[in-house]
N, C-alpha and C. Protein backbone atom coordinates (compact mmCIF):
# COMPACT_ATOMS: atom_id res chain seq x y z
N MET A 1 0.85 -1.17 0.00
CA MET A 1 0.00 0.00 0.00
C MET A 1 0.90 1.24 0.00
N ARG A 2 0.53 2.16 -0.85
CA ARG A 2 1.27 3.42 -0.92
C ARG A 2 0.38 4.54 -0.38
N PHE A 3 0.99 5.69 -0.25
CA PHE A 3 0.27 6.87 0.24
C PHE A 3 0.59 8.05 -0.66
N ILE A 4 -0.38 8.96 -0.81
CA ILE A 4 -0.18 10.14 -1.64
C ILE A 4 -0.76 11.35 -0.90
N LYS A 5 -0.05 12.46 -0.98
CA LYS A 5 -0.57 13.70 -0.40
C LYS A 5 -1.66 14.24 -1.33
N PRO A 6 -2.73 14.78 -0.78
CA PRO A 6 -3.81 15.31 -1.63
C PRO A 6 -3.33 16.33 -2.65
N ILE A 7 -2.37 17.14 -2.29
CA ILE A 7 -1.88 18.19 -3.19
C ILE A 7 -1.25 17.60 -4.45
N ASN A 8 -0.84 16.33 -4.41
CA ASN A 8 -0.21 15.68 -5.56
C ASN A 8 -1.20 15.03 -6.52
N LEU A 9 -2.49 15.10 -6.23
CA LEU A 9 -3.51 14.56 -7.14
C LEU A 9 -3.63 15.47 -8.36
N ARG A 10 -3.92 14.88 -9.49
CA ARG A 10 -4.04 15.62 -10.75
C ARG A 10 -5.39 15.31 -11.41
N GLU A 11 -5.72 16.09 -12.42
CA GLU A 11 -6.97 15.90 -13.18
C GLU A 11 -7.09 14.48 -13.74
N ASN A 12 -5.96 13.88 -14.13
CA ASN A 12 -6.00 12.55 -14.73
C ASN A 12 -5.82 11.42 -13.71
N SER A 13 -5.75 11.76 -12.41
CA SER A 13 -5.64 10.74 -11.37
C SER A 13 -6.96 9.98 -11.27
N VAL A 14 -6.88 8.67 -11.06
CA VAL A 14 -8.09 7.90 -10.77
C VAL A 14 -8.29 8.00 -9.26
N ILE A 15 -9.39 8.63 -8.87
CA ILE A 15 -9.67 8.85 -7.45
C ILE A 15 -10.98 8.14 -7.10
N LEU A 16 -10.91 7.30 -6.07
CA LEU A 16 -12.09 6.59 -5.57
C LEU A 16 -12.42 7.16 -4.19
N ASP A 17 -13.61 7.70 -4.04
CA ASP A 17 -14.08 8.26 -2.77
C ASP A 17 -14.95 7.19 -2.10
N VAL A 18 -14.54 6.72 -0.91
CA VAL A 18 -15.27 5.65 -0.23
C VAL A 18 -15.98 6.12 1.04
N ARG A 19 -16.26 7.41 1.13
CA ARG A 19 -16.94 7.92 2.31
C ARG A 19 -18.40 7.48 2.32
N SER A 20 -19.08 7.74 3.42
CA SER A 20 -20.50 7.39 3.53
C SER A 20 -21.32 8.29 2.60
N PRO A 21 -22.53 7.86 2.24
CA PRO A 21 -23.38 8.70 1.40
C PRO A 21 -23.66 10.07 2.04
N GLU A 22 -23.79 10.11 3.36
CA GLU A 22 -24.05 11.37 4.05
C GLU A 22 -22.85 12.32 3.95
N GLU A 23 -21.65 11.77 4.13
CA GLU A 23 -20.45 12.59 4.01
C GLU A 23 -20.29 13.11 2.58
N TYR A 24 -20.53 12.21 1.63
CA TYR A 24 -20.38 12.57 0.21
C TYR A 24 -21.38 13.66 -0.17
N ALA A 25 -22.59 13.61 0.40
CA ALA A 25 -23.62 14.61 0.09
C ALA A 25 -23.23 16.00 0.60
N GLU A 26 -22.38 16.07 1.61
CA GLU A 26 -21.97 17.36 2.18
C GLU A 26 -20.90 18.07 1.36
N GLU A 27 -19.90 17.30 0.89
CA GLU A 27 -18.79 17.90 0.15
C GLU A 27 -18.08 16.85 -0.68
N THR A 28 -17.51 17.31 -1.81
CA THR A 28 -16.78 16.42 -2.70
C THR A 28 -15.54 17.13 -3.24
N LEU A 29 -14.61 16.35 -3.73
CA LEU A 29 -13.48 16.93 -4.44
C LEU A 29 -13.99 17.55 -5.74
N LYS A 30 -13.38 18.64 -6.15
CA LYS A 30 -13.71 19.20 -7.46
C LYS A 30 -13.05 18.37 -8.56
N LEU A 31 -11.92 17.73 -8.23
CA LEU A 31 -11.24 16.86 -9.21
C LEU A 31 -12.16 15.72 -9.62
N PRO A 32 -12.03 15.24 -10.86
CA PRO A 32 -12.82 14.08 -11.28
C PRO A 32 -12.56 12.89 -10.35
N HIS A 33 -13.62 12.22 -9.96
CA HIS A 33 -13.50 11.08 -9.06
C HIS A 33 -14.69 10.15 -9.25
N ILE A 34 -14.57 8.99 -8.64
CA ILE A 34 -15.65 8.00 -8.67
C ILE A 34 -16.07 7.77 -7.22
N TYR A 35 -17.37 7.76 -6.98
CA TYR A 35 -17.86 7.53 -5.62
C TYR A 35 -18.38 6.10 -5.49
N LYS A 36 -17.99 5.45 -4.38
CA LYS A 36 -18.53 4.14 -4.04
C LYS A 36 -18.43 4.00 -2.52
N ASP A 37 -19.56 3.86 -1.87
CA ASP A 37 -19.59 3.67 -0.42
C ASP A 37 -18.76 2.43 -0.07
N LEU A 38 -17.90 2.53 0.92
CA LEU A 38 -17.04 1.41 1.30
C LEU A 38 -17.86 0.15 1.59
N ALA A 39 -19.03 0.31 2.18
CA ALA A 39 -19.88 -0.84 2.52
C ALA A 39 -20.33 -1.61 1.28
N GLU A 40 -20.31 -0.97 0.12
CA GLU A 40 -20.77 -1.60 -1.13
C GLU A 40 -19.63 -1.89 -2.11
N LEU A 41 -18.40 -1.66 -1.68
CA LEU A 41 -17.25 -1.79 -2.58
C LEU A 41 -16.88 -3.25 -2.84
N ASP A 42 -16.82 -3.61 -4.10
CA ASP A 42 -16.30 -4.89 -4.56
C ASP A 42 -15.17 -4.54 -5.51
N PRO A 43 -13.91 -4.71 -5.09
CA PRO A 43 -12.78 -4.26 -5.90
C PRO A 43 -12.77 -4.80 -7.33
N LEU A 44 -13.02 -6.08 -7.51
CA LEU A 44 -12.98 -6.64 -8.87
C LEU A 44 -14.09 -6.05 -9.74
N GLN A 45 -15.27 -5.90 -9.17
CA GLN A 45 -16.38 -5.30 -9.91
C GLN A 45 -16.05 -3.84 -10.24
N PHE A 46 -15.45 -3.12 -9.30
CA PHE A 46 -15.09 -1.73 -9.52
C PHE A 46 -14.11 -1.61 -10.68
N ILE A 47 -13.09 -2.46 -10.70
CA ILE A 47 -12.09 -2.42 -11.76
C ILE A 47 -12.73 -2.72 -13.10
N THR A 48 -13.60 -3.71 -13.14
CA THR A 48 -14.28 -4.09 -14.38
C THR A 48 -15.22 -2.99 -14.86
N GLU A 49 -16.07 -2.49 -13.96
CA GLU A 49 -17.05 -1.46 -14.32
C GLU A 49 -16.40 -0.18 -14.84
N ASN A 50 -15.21 0.13 -14.32
CA ASN A 50 -14.53 1.37 -14.71
C ASN A 50 -13.42 1.14 -15.72
N ASN A 51 -13.35 -0.10 -16.23
CA ASN A 51 -12.41 -0.45 -17.30
C ASN A 51 -10.97 -0.04 -16.96
N LEU A 52 -10.53 -0.41 -15.75
CA LEU A 52 -9.20 -0.03 -15.28
C LEU A 52 -8.21 -1.17 -15.48
N SER A 53 -6.98 -0.83 -15.82
CA SER A 53 -5.93 -1.83 -15.94
C SER A 53 -5.12 -1.85 -14.65
N LYS A 54 -4.33 -2.89 -14.48
CA LYS A 54 -3.49 -3.01 -13.28
C LYS A 54 -2.36 -1.99 -13.28
N ASN A 55 -2.14 -1.30 -14.39
CA ASN A 55 -1.07 -0.30 -14.47
C ASN A 55 -1.51 1.06 -13.93
N ILE A 56 -2.80 1.23 -13.70
CA ILE A 56 -3.35 2.51 -13.25
C ILE A 56 -3.41 2.49 -11.72
N THR A 57 -2.95 3.56 -11.11
CA THR A 57 -3.04 3.66 -9.65
C THR A 57 -4.41 4.19 -9.27
N ILE A 58 -5.05 3.51 -8.33
CA ILE A 58 -6.32 3.98 -7.77
C ILE A 58 -5.98 4.70 -6.47
N ASN A 59 -6.29 5.98 -6.42
CA ASN A 59 -6.05 6.82 -5.24
C ASN A 59 -7.35 6.84 -4.44
N ILE A 60 -7.29 6.38 -3.20
CA ILE A 60 -8.51 6.18 -2.42
C ILE A 60 -8.65 7.26 -1.34
N LEU A 61 -9.83 7.87 -1.31
CA LEU A 61 -10.14 8.99 -0.42
C LEU A 61 -11.25 8.61 0.55
N CYS A 62 -11.11 9.04 1.79
CA CYS A 62 -12.22 8.99 2.75
C CYS A 62 -12.18 10.29 3.55
N ALA A 63 -12.73 10.29 4.75
CA ALA A 63 -12.74 11.53 5.54
C ALA A 63 -11.35 11.85 6.09
N SER A 64 -10.67 10.82 6.64
CA SER A 64 -9.37 11.09 7.26
C SER A 64 -8.29 10.07 6.92
N GLY A 65 -8.64 8.94 6.33
CA GLY A 65 -7.65 7.94 5.93
C GLY A 65 -7.92 6.52 6.37
N ALA A 66 -8.71 6.32 7.41
CA ALA A 66 -8.94 4.97 7.94
C ALA A 66 -9.72 4.07 6.96
N ARG A 67 -10.84 4.56 6.47
CA ARG A 67 -11.63 3.73 5.53
C ARG A 67 -10.91 3.56 4.20
N ALA A 68 -10.14 4.57 3.80
CA ALA A 68 -9.35 4.44 2.57
C ALA A 68 -8.33 3.32 2.71
N SER A 69 -7.75 3.18 3.89
CA SER A 69 -6.80 2.09 4.14
C SER A 69 -7.51 0.74 4.07
N GLN A 70 -8.72 0.67 4.61
CA GLN A 70 -9.51 -0.57 4.53
C GLN A 70 -9.79 -0.93 3.07
N ALA A 71 -10.18 0.07 2.29
CA ALA A 71 -10.46 -0.17 0.87
C ALA A 71 -9.20 -0.63 0.14
N ALA A 72 -8.07 -0.01 0.44
CA ALA A 72 -6.80 -0.38 -0.20
C ALA A 72 -6.47 -1.85 0.12
N GLU A 73 -6.70 -2.26 1.36
CA GLU A 73 -6.46 -3.65 1.73
C GLU A 73 -7.39 -4.59 0.95
N MET A 74 -8.62 -4.16 0.72
CA MET A 74 -9.56 -4.97 -0.07
C MET A 74 -9.03 -5.17 -1.49
N PHE A 75 -8.54 -4.09 -2.10
CA PHE A 75 -7.98 -4.19 -3.45
C PHE A 75 -6.77 -5.11 -3.46
N GLU A 76 -5.91 -4.99 -2.45
CA GLU A 76 -4.71 -5.83 -2.39
C GLU A 76 -5.08 -7.30 -2.24
N ARG A 77 -6.07 -7.62 -1.41
CA ARG A 77 -6.53 -9.01 -1.26
C ARG A 77 -7.10 -9.55 -2.56
N ALA A 78 -7.64 -8.66 -3.38
CA ALA A 78 -8.21 -9.06 -4.67
C ALA A 78 -7.13 -9.15 -5.76
N GLY A 79 -5.87 -8.90 -5.39
CA GLY A 79 -4.77 -9.02 -6.34
C GLY A 79 -4.43 -7.75 -7.09
N PHE A 80 -4.98 -6.63 -6.65
CA PHE A 80 -4.71 -5.35 -7.31
C PHE A 80 -3.89 -4.50 -6.34
N ASP A 81 -2.57 -4.46 -6.54
CA ASP A 81 -1.67 -3.81 -5.60
C ASP A 81 -1.40 -2.34 -5.91
N ASN A 82 -1.89 -1.85 -7.03
CA ASN A 82 -1.58 -0.50 -7.46
C ASN A 82 -2.60 0.50 -6.87
N VAL A 83 -2.57 0.62 -5.54
CA VAL A 83 -3.49 1.52 -4.84
C VAL A 83 -2.69 2.45 -3.94
N ALA A 84 -3.24 3.65 -3.72
CA ALA A 84 -2.62 4.62 -2.83
C ALA A 84 -3.70 5.27 -1.97
N VAL A 85 -3.43 5.35 -0.70
CA VAL A 85 -4.34 6.01 0.24
C VAL A 85 -4.00 7.50 0.23
N ILE A 86 -5.02 8.33 0.09
CA ILE A 86 -4.83 9.78 0.13
C ILE A 86 -4.71 10.19 1.60
N ILE A 87 -3.52 10.61 1.97
CA ILE A 87 -3.20 10.92 3.37
C ILE A 87 -4.12 12.02 3.91
N GLY A 88 -4.77 11.72 5.04
CA GLY A 88 -5.60 12.71 5.71
C GLY A 88 -6.97 12.93 5.09
N GLY A 89 -7.26 12.22 3.99
CA GLY A 89 -8.56 12.29 3.37
C GLY A 89 -8.98 13.67 2.91
N ILE A 90 -10.29 13.87 2.87
CA ILE A 90 -10.82 15.14 2.36
C ILE A 90 -10.50 16.30 3.30
N VAL A 91 -10.32 15.99 4.58
CA VAL A 91 -9.96 17.03 5.54
C VAL A 91 -8.60 17.62 5.17
N GLU A 92 -7.62 16.75 4.93
CA GLU A 92 -6.28 17.20 4.55
C GLU A 92 -6.29 17.85 3.17
N ALA A 93 -7.10 17.30 2.26
CA ALA A 93 -7.19 17.87 0.91
C ALA A 93 -7.60 19.34 0.98
N GLU A 94 -8.63 19.62 1.76
CA GLU A 94 -9.08 21.01 1.89
C GLU A 94 -8.00 21.87 2.54
N TYR A 95 -7.33 21.34 3.56
CA TYR A 95 -6.27 22.06 4.24
C TYR A 95 -5.12 22.40 3.29
N GLU A 96 -4.81 21.47 2.34
CA GLU A 96 -3.72 21.69 1.40
C GLU A 96 -4.13 22.55 0.21
N GLY A 97 -5.38 22.96 0.15
CA GLY A 97 -5.82 23.84 -0.91
C GLY A 97 -6.40 23.15 -2.13
N VAL A 98 -6.65 21.84 -2.04
CA VAL A 98 -7.32 21.14 -3.14
C VAL A 98 -8.77 21.64 -3.15
N GLU A 99 -9.29 21.94 -4.33
CA GLU A 99 -10.65 22.50 -4.40
C GLU A 99 -11.70 21.49 -3.98
N ILE A 100 -12.58 21.94 -3.09
CA ILE A 100 -13.68 21.14 -2.55
C ILE A 100 -14.99 21.83 -2.92
N ILE A 101 -15.97 21.03 -3.31
CA ILE A 101 -17.32 21.57 -3.59
C ILE A 101 -18.19 21.26 -2.38
N LYS A 102 -18.74 22.30 -1.78
CA LYS A 102 -19.66 22.15 -0.63
C LYS A 102 -21.08 22.11 -1.18
N HIS A 103 -21.85 21.14 -0.71
CA HIS A 103 -23.23 20.99 -1.19
C HIS A 103 -24.21 21.52 -0.18
């Protein structure tokens, strides 16, 4: 499992947001991302549905990092090791100046 600072995310980064539906309804990254509640995440199905190759890094976001780490472990158990946890989650992203959309 790798880690990435929110400030290092780019427009072409594959970002998976695994926060709860309630958290997601409050605020989101302005960067392109895919939302999937951690409780409903199936890594193999996610990879297939989004047509992702094993060469692409999936950057995983949650509120602070704990659920993103759980999701990363799920991907690794499924044989997909190219994952990175976004350090500090959306809280750190906002602190580092990554654009956030408040709903």
